[in-house]
């Protein structure tokens, strides 16, 4: 069983709440997850597992993102629009 908690800022509550076991990040945000663990360790908390998920590329070779979908650049499957 697990609970998903979105982070509303770079660290969220991960640096205060000791109940986290893992964080799922993109390759782009992995350095922030490493910082989170450094902060946790400095506070005497256990580090959390870092799970890095690779980007899925659209057909133009640029990562699929909700921003690109909302802008009408691509579909959710990565097809190019326009």
C-alpha atoms as a PDB file:
ATOM      1  CA  UNK A   1       0.000   0.000   0.000  1.00  0.00           C
ATOM      2  CA  UNK A   2       1.155   3.520  -0.663  1.00  0.00           C
ATOM      3  CA  UNK A   3       0.026   7.109  -0.504  1.00  0.00           C
ATOM      4  CA  UNK A   4       0.902   9.625  -3.220  1.00  0.00           C
ATOM      5  CA  UNK A   5       1.613  13.138  -1.979  1.00  0.00           C
ATOM      6  CA  UNK A   6       2.270  15.881  -4.556  1.00  0.00           C
ATOM      7  CA  UNK A   7       4.981  18.416  -3.766  1.00  0.00           C
ATOM      8  CA  UNK A   8       3.801  22.014  -4.077  1.00  0.00           C
ATOM      9  CA  UNK A   9       7.348  23.343  -3.827  1.00  0.00           C
ATOM     10  CA  UNK A  10      10.749  21.720  -4.425  1.00  0.00           C
ATOM     11  CA  UNK A  11      10.815  19.921  -1.049  1.00  0.00           C
ATOM     12  CA  UNK A  12       7.200  19.693   0.048  1.00  0.00           C
ATOM     13  CA  UNK A  13       6.875  18.140   3.470  1.00  0.00           C
ATOM     14  CA  UNK A  14       9.616  15.589   2.781  1.00  0.00           C
ATOM     15  CA  UNK A  15      12.100  17.553   4.883  1.00  0.00           C
ATOM     16  CA  UNK A  16       9.756  17.653   7.902  1.00  0.00           C
ATOM     17  CA  UNK A  17       7.762  14.433   7.702  1.00  0.00           C
ATOM     18  CA  UNK A  18       9.734  11.295   8.546  1.00  0.00           C
ATOM     19  CA  UNK A  19       7.092   8.925   7.196  1.00  0.00           C
ATOM     20  CA  UNK A  20       8.176   9.141   3.542  1.00  0.00           C
ATOM     21  CA  UNK A  21       9.833   6.033   2.117  1.00  0.00           C
ATOM     22  CA  UNK A  22      10.439   7.086  -1.492  1.00  0.00           C
ATOM     23  CA  UNK A  23      10.228   9.937  -3.957  1.00  0.00           C
ATOM     24  CA  UNK A  24       9.537   9.552  -7.691  1.00  0.00           C
ATOM     25  CA  UNK A  25      11.302  12.141  -9.840  1.00  0.00           C
ATOM     26  CA  UNK A  26      12.272  12.843 -13.429  1.00  0.00           C
ATOM     27  CA  UNK A  27      15.898  12.940 -14.516  1.00  0.00           C
ATOM     28  CA  UNK A  28      15.537  16.722 -14.460  1.00  0.00           C
ATOM     29  CA  UNK A  29      14.455  16.874 -10.799  1.00  0.00           C
ATOM     30  CA  UNK A  30      16.731  14.144  -9.422  1.00  0.00           C
ATOM     31  CA  UNK A  31      19.228  16.704  -8.007  1.00  0.00           C
ATOM     32  CA  UNK A  32      16.443  18.138  -5.826  1.00  0.00           C
ATOM     33  CA  UNK A  33      15.697  14.651  -4.474  1.00  0.00           C
ATOM     34  CA  UNK A  34      19.389  14.304  -3.573  1.00  0.00           C
ATOM     35  CA  UNK A  35      19.142  17.668  -1.746  1.00  0.00           C
ATOM     36  CA  UNK A  36      16.062  16.406   0.097  1.00  0.00           C
ATOM     37  CA  UNK A  37      18.048  13.433   1.371  1.00  0.00           C
ATOM     38  CA  UNK A  38      20.942  15.661   2.418  1.00  0.00           C
ATOM     39  CA  UNK A  39      18.546  17.853   4.408  1.00  0.00           C
ATOM     40  CA  UNK A  40      16.821  14.809   5.932  1.00  0.00           C
ATOM     41  CA  UNK A  41      20.148  13.300   7.003  1.00  0.00           C
ATOM     42  CA  UNK A  42      21.289  16.628   8.505  1.00  0.00           C
ATOM     43  CA  UNK A  43      18.084  16.603  10.593  1.00  0.00           C
ATOM     44  CA  UNK A  44      18.655  13.043  11.780  1.00  0.00           C
ATOM     45  CA  UNK A  45      15.957  11.610   9.518  1.00  0.00           C
ATOM     46  CA  UNK A  46      16.388   8.527   7.361  1.00  0.00           C
ATOM     47  CA  UNK A  47      17.000   9.169   3.655  1.00  0.00           C
ATOM     48  CA  UNK A  48      14.243   8.205   1.237  1.00  0.00           C
ATOM     49  CA  UNK A  49      14.609   5.999  -1.830  1.00  0.00           C
ATOM     50  CA  UNK A  50      14.889   7.983  -5.057  1.00  0.00           C
ATOM     51  CA  UNK A  51      13.067   6.469  -8.042  1.00  0.00           C
ATOM     52  CA  UNK A  52      14.017   8.139 -11.328  1.00  0.00           C
ATOM     53  CA  UNK A  53      11.523   7.884 -14.184  1.00  0.00           C
ATOM     54  CA  UNK A  54      12.742   8.664 -17.699  1.00  0.00           C
ATOM     55  CA  UNK A  55      10.919  11.085 -19.961  1.00  0.00           C
ATOM     56  CA  UNK A  56       8.737   9.752 -22.750  1.00  0.00           C
ATOM     57  CA  UNK A  57       9.526  11.566 -25.970  1.00  0.00           C
ATOM     58  CA  UNK A  58       6.991  12.906 -28.442  1.00  0.00           C
ATOM     59  CA  UNK A  59       7.528  12.214 -32.138  1.00  0.00           C
ATOM     60  CA  UNK A  60       9.571  15.427 -32.394  1.00  0.00           C
ATOM     61  CA  UNK A  61      12.090  14.074 -29.862  1.00  0.00           C
ATOM     62  CA  UNK A  62      11.056  16.528 -27.131  1.00  0.00           C
ATOM     63  CA  UNK A  63       9.563  15.153 -23.878  1.00  0.00           C
ATOM     64  CA  UNK A  64       5.797  14.828 -23.597  1.00  0.00           C
ATOM     65  CA  UNK A  65       4.525  17.216 -20.930  1.00  0.00           C
ATOM     66  CA  UNK A  66       1.165  18.476 -19.744  1.00  0.00           C
ATOM     67  CA  UNK A  67       2.297  21.992 -20.668  1.00  0.00           C
ATOM     68  CA  UNK A  68       2.904  20.993 -24.291  1.00  0.00           C
ATOM     69  CA  UNK A  69      -0.432  19.175 -24.433  1.00  0.00           C
ATOM     70  CA  UNK A  70      -2.329  22.198 -23.004  1.00  0.00           C
ATOM     71  CA  UNK A  71      -0.594  24.515 -25.485  1.00  0.00           C
ATOM     72  CA  UNK A  72      -1.856  22.317 -28.327  1.00  0.00           C
ATOM     73  CA  UNK A  73       1.650  21.402 -29.504  1.00  0.00           C
ATOM     74  CA  UNK A  74       1.162  17.638 -29.117  1.00  0.00           C
ATOM     75  CA  UNK A  75      -1.408  15.015 -28.186  1.00  0.00           C
ATOM     76  CA  UNK A  76      -1.094  12.946 -25.004  1.00  0.00           C
ATOM     77  CA  UNK A  77       0.389  10.211 -27.205  1.00  0.00           C
ATOM     78  CA  UNK A  78       3.114  12.519 -28.504  1.00  0.00           C
ATOM     79  CA  UNK A  79       1.649  13.164 -31.946  1.00  0.00           C
ATOM     80  CA  UNK A  80       2.580  16.594 -33.294  1.00  0.00           C
ATOM     81  CA  UNK A  81      -0.290  19.061 -33.760  1.00  0.00           C
ATOM     82  CA  UNK A  82      -0.354  22.271 -35.693  1.00  0.00           C
END
